[in-house]
Amino acid sequence: MDVVSFMDVEETDMDLIISFALDIGDGYIKTLLLHRTLFCEFIMPEEERGTKVCLEDNDIAEEYINTLECITFDHNVMKIKARFSYYEINLRKLQLEEIEQMKESLVHHNFDDRFVIKFT
């Protein structure tokens, strides 16, 4: 399970983005993105709408249709299930305020109930 070294939340009129820096060892990180494009989503086919999940270096063809299906919070572990991928990340290095900011942003991502958010 990857540990989140730090995260960033960005919300504009055009995009909602949550990015996680995953510690992969030896001082290297990979970025896991949750990204929803608001400004042009209405012209996309129904199955391509919603929050996209993308891990750095993954297949670009799946990125555009790898939509978020479920987020589960279990103490310091966050489970992310998308159409074509699944990730478990450890949030232990994050401050409580950062986690709360991320949860609030997830509510904004899910304004149309396209995915499930669970707290266990």
C-alpha atoms as a PDB file:
ATOM      1  CA  MET A   1       0.000   0.000   0.000  1.00  0.00           C
ATOM      2  CA  ASP A   2       1.355   3.381  -1.005  1.00  0.00           C
ATOM      3  CA  VAL A   3       1.772   6.144   1.554  1.00  0.00           C
ATOM      4  CA  VAL A   4       0.641   9.663   0.631  1.00  0.00           C
ATOM      5  CA  SER A   5       3.534  12.067   1.280  1.00  0.00           C
ATOM      6  CA  PHE A   6       1.398  15.120   0.549  1.00  0.00           C
ATOM      7  CA  MET A   7      -1.718  16.099  -1.357  1.00  0.00           C
ATOM      8  CA  ASP A   8      -3.214  19.134  -3.070  1.00  0.00           C
ATOM      9  CA  VAL A   9      -6.789  20.198  -3.729  1.00  0.00           C
ATOM     10  CA  GLU A  10      -7.549  22.591  -6.582  1.00  0.00           C
ATOM     11  CA  GLU A  11     -11.041  23.816  -7.399  1.00  0.00           C
ATOM     12  CA  THR A  12     -11.826  26.272 -10.176  1.00  0.00           C
ATOM     13  CA  ASP A  13     -14.858  26.980 -12.347  1.00  0.00           C
ATOM     14  CA  MET A  14     -13.350  24.653 -14.953  1.00  0.00           C
ATOM     15  CA  ASP A  15     -11.816  21.786 -12.958  1.00  0.00           C
ATOM     16  CA  LEU A  16     -11.890  19.919  -9.673  1.00  0.00           C
ATOM     17  CA  ILE A  17      -8.584  18.187  -8.907  1.00  0.00           C
ATOM     18  CA  ILE A  18      -7.279  16.195  -5.965  1.00  0.00           C
ATOM     19  CA  SER A  19      -3.680  15.063  -6.396  1.00  0.00           C
ATOM     20  CA  PHE A  20      -1.838  12.638  -4.144  1.00  0.00           C
ATOM     21  CA  ALA A  21       1.962  12.313  -4.069  1.00  0.00           C
ATOM     22  CA  LEU A  22       2.600   8.622  -3.424  1.00  0.00           C
ATOM     23  CA  ASP A  23       5.924   7.690  -1.847  1.00  0.00           C
ATOM     24  CA  ILE A  24       7.415   4.890  -3.977  1.00  0.00           C
ATOM     25  CA  GLY A  25      10.751   4.834  -2.160  1.00  0.00           C
ATOM     26  CA  ASP A  26      14.248   6.243  -2.548  1.00  0.00           C
ATOM     27  CA  GLY A  27      12.862   9.794  -2.551  1.00  0.00           C
ATOM     28  CA  TYR A  28      10.644   9.207  -5.605  1.00  0.00           C
ATOM     29  CA  ILE A  29       6.935   9.842  -5.888  1.00  0.00           C
ATOM     30  CA  LYS A  30       4.134   9.008  -8.312  1.00  0.00           C
ATOM     31  CA  THR A  31       1.068  11.167  -8.702  1.00  0.00           C
ATOM     32  CA  LEU A  32      -2.447   9.797  -8.357  1.00  0.00           C
ATOM     33  CA  LEU A  33      -5.066  12.229  -9.683  1.00  0.00           C
ATOM     34  CA  LEU A  34      -8.813  12.530  -9.189  1.00  0.00           C
ATOM     35  CA  HIS A  35      -9.901  15.013 -11.862  1.00  0.00           C
ATOM     36  CA  ARG A  36     -13.296  16.261 -12.946  1.00  0.00           C
ATOM     37  CA  THR A  37     -13.544  18.621 -15.914  1.00  0.00           C
ATOM     38  CA  LEU A  38     -16.609  20.768 -15.370  1.00  0.00           C
ATOM     39  CA  PHE A  39     -16.526  23.153 -18.310  1.00  0.00           C
ATOM     40  CA  CYS A  40     -16.956  20.608 -21.110  1.00  0.00           C
ATOM     41  CA  GLU A  41     -18.485  17.616 -19.365  1.00  0.00           C
ATOM     42  CA  PHE A  42     -21.955  18.315 -20.715  1.00  0.00           C
ATOM     43  CA  ILE A  43     -20.796  17.495 -24.269  1.00  0.00           C
ATOM     44  CA  MET A  44     -19.223  14.149 -23.279  1.00  0.00           C
ATOM     45  CA  PRO A  45     -21.050  10.843 -23.651  1.00  0.00           C
ATOM     46  CA  GLU A  46     -22.803   9.821 -20.435  1.00  0.00           C
ATOM     47  CA  GLU A  47     -20.319   7.002 -19.682  1.00  0.00           C
ATOM     48  CA  GLU A  48     -17.356   9.431 -19.844  1.00  0.00           C
ATOM     49  CA  ARG A  49     -18.754  11.971 -17.390  1.00  0.00           C
ATOM     50  CA  GLY A  50     -17.602  12.110 -13.782  1.00  0.00           C
ATOM     51  CA  THR A  51     -14.325  12.125 -11.886  1.00  0.00           C
ATOM     52  CA  LYS A  52     -11.418  10.454 -13.683  1.00  0.00           C
ATOM     53  CA  VAL A  53      -8.770   8.452 -11.850  1.00  0.00           C
ATOM     54  CA  CYS A  54      -5.258   8.453 -13.250  1.00  0.00           C
ATOM     55  CA  LEU A  55      -1.938   7.186 -11.916  1.00  0.00           C
ATOM     56  CA  GLU A  56       1.206   8.657 -13.450  1.00  0.00           C
ATOM     57  CA  ASP A  57       2.596   6.402 -16.231  1.00  0.00           C
ATOM     58  CA  ASN A  58      -0.686   4.535 -16.782  1.00  0.00           C
ATOM     59  CA  ASP A  59      -2.187   3.847 -20.196  1.00  0.00           C
ATOM     60  CA  ILE A  60      -3.492   7.164 -21.564  1.00  0.00           C
ATOM     61  CA  ALA A  61      -6.288   5.454 -23.534  1.00  0.00           C
ATOM     62  CA  GLU A  62      -8.029   4.277 -20.349  1.00  0.00           C
ATOM     63  CA  GLU A  63      -7.538   7.595 -18.539  1.00  0.00           C
ATOM     64  CA  TYR A  64     -10.471   9.252 -20.275  1.00  0.00           C
ATOM     65  CA  ILE A  65     -12.964   6.557 -19.317  1.00  0.00           C
ATOM     66  CA  ASN A  66     -11.512   5.381 -15.989  1.00  0.00           C
ATOM     67  CA  THR A  67     -14.236   7.027 -13.928  1.00  0.00           C
ATOM     68  CA  LEU A  68     -14.437   6.940 -10.156  1.00  0.00           C
ATOM     69  CA  GLU A  69     -17.010   4.472  -8.775  1.00  0.00           C
ATOM     70  CA  CYS A  70     -16.383   4.314  -5.025  1.00  0.00           C
ATOM     71  CA  ILE A  71     -14.222   5.870  -2.298  1.00  0.00           C
ATOM     72  CA  THR A  72     -14.004   4.146   1.075  1.00  0.00           C
ATOM     73  CA  PHE A  73     -12.368   5.649   4.167  1.00  0.00           C
ATOM     74  CA  ASP A  74     -11.217   3.124   6.783  1.00  0.00           C
ATOM     75  CA  HIS A  75      -9.240   4.993   9.463  1.00  0.00           C
ATOM     76  CA  ASN A  76      -6.052   6.183   7.681  1.00  0.00           C
ATOM     77  CA  VAL A  77      -6.671   4.053   4.581  1.00  0.00           C
ATOM     78  CA  MET A  78      -8.488   5.374   1.528  1.00  0.00           C
ATOM     79  CA  LYS A  79      -9.699   2.847  -1.050  1.00  0.00           C
ATOM     80  CA  ILE A  80     -10.326   4.180  -4.544  1.00  0.00           C
ATOM     81  CA  LYS A  81     -12.270   2.031  -7.006  1.00  0.00           C
ATOM     82  CA  ALA A  82     -12.573   3.206 -10.596  1.00  0.00           C
ATOM     83  CA  ARG A  83     -13.864   1.486 -13.716  1.00  0.00           C
ATOM     84  CA  PHE A  84     -10.441   0.033 -14.658  1.00  0.00           C
ATOM     85  CA  SER A  85      -8.339   0.444 -11.513  1.00  0.00           C
ATOM     86  CA  TYR A  86      -8.219   0.067  -7.754  1.00  0.00           C
ATOM     87  CA  TYR A  87      -5.892   1.783  -5.273  1.00  0.00           C
ATOM     88  CA  GLU A  88      -5.396   1.642  -1.522  1.00  0.00           C
ATOM     89  CA  ILE A  89      -3.479   4.577  -0.138  1.00  0.00           C
ATOM     90  CA  ASN A  90      -2.372   5.368   3.401  1.00  0.00           C
ATOM     91  CA  LEU A  91      -3.158   8.902   4.604  1.00  0.00           C
ATOM     92  CA  ARG A  92      -1.219   8.722   7.912  1.00  0.00           C
ATOM     93  CA  LYS A  93       1.226  11.514   6.971  1.00  0.00           C
ATOM     94  CA  LEU A  94      -1.551  14.012   6.237  1.00  0.00           C
ATOM     95  CA  GLN A  95      -2.937  16.491   8.746  1.00  0.00           C
ATOM     96  CA  LEU A  96      -6.567  16.173   9.808  1.00  0.00           C
ATOM     97  CA  GLU A  97      -7.312  19.560   8.159  1.00  0.00           C
ATOM     98  CA  GLU A  98      -5.973  18.270   4.823  1.00  0.00           C
ATOM     99  CA  ILE A  99      -8.130  15.153   5.017  1.00  0.00           C
ATOM    100  CA  GLU A 100     -11.202  17.248   5.810  1.00  0.00           C
ATOM    101  CA  GLN A 101     -10.433  19.552   2.861  1.00  0.00           C
ATOM    102  CA  MET A 102     -10.146  16.505   0.595  1.00  0.00           C
ATOM    103  CA  LYS A 103     -13.454  15.069   1.853  1.00  0.00           C
ATOM    104  CA  GLU A 104     -15.169  18.409   1.190  1.00  0.00           C
ATOM    105  CA  SER A 105     -13.729  18.466  -2.320  1.00  0.00           C
ATOM    106  CA  LEU A 106     -14.977  14.906  -2.915  1.00  0.00           C
ATOM    107  CA  VAL A 107     -18.492  16.123  -2.124  1.00  0.00           C
ATOM    108  CA  HIS A 108     -18.038  18.769  -4.845  1.00  0.00           C
ATOM    109  CA  HIS A 109     -16.774  16.090  -7.270  1.00  0.00           C
ATOM    110  CA  ASN A 110     -19.881  14.059  -6.488  1.00  0.00           C
ATOM    111  CA  PHE A 111     -22.504  16.797  -6.941  1.00  0.00           C
ATOM    112  CA  ASP A 112     -24.479  14.462  -9.233  1.00  0.00           C
ATOM    113  CA  ASP A 113     -23.994  11.229  -7.231  1.00  0.00           C
ATOM    114  CA  ARG A 114     -21.802   9.509  -9.815  1.00  0.00           C
ATOM    115  CA  PHE A 115     -19.827   7.600  -7.182  1.00  0.00           C
ATOM    116  CA  VAL A 116     -20.238   6.277  -3.652  1.00  0.00           C
ATOM    117  CA  ILE A 117     -18.428   7.631  -0.581  1.00  0.00           C
ATOM    118  CA  LYS A 118     -18.255   5.243   2.406  1.00  0.00           C
ATOM    119  CA  PHE A 119     -16.918   5.738   5.928  1.00  0.00           C
ATOM    120  CA  THR A 120     -16.203   2.535   7.864  1.00  0.00           C
END
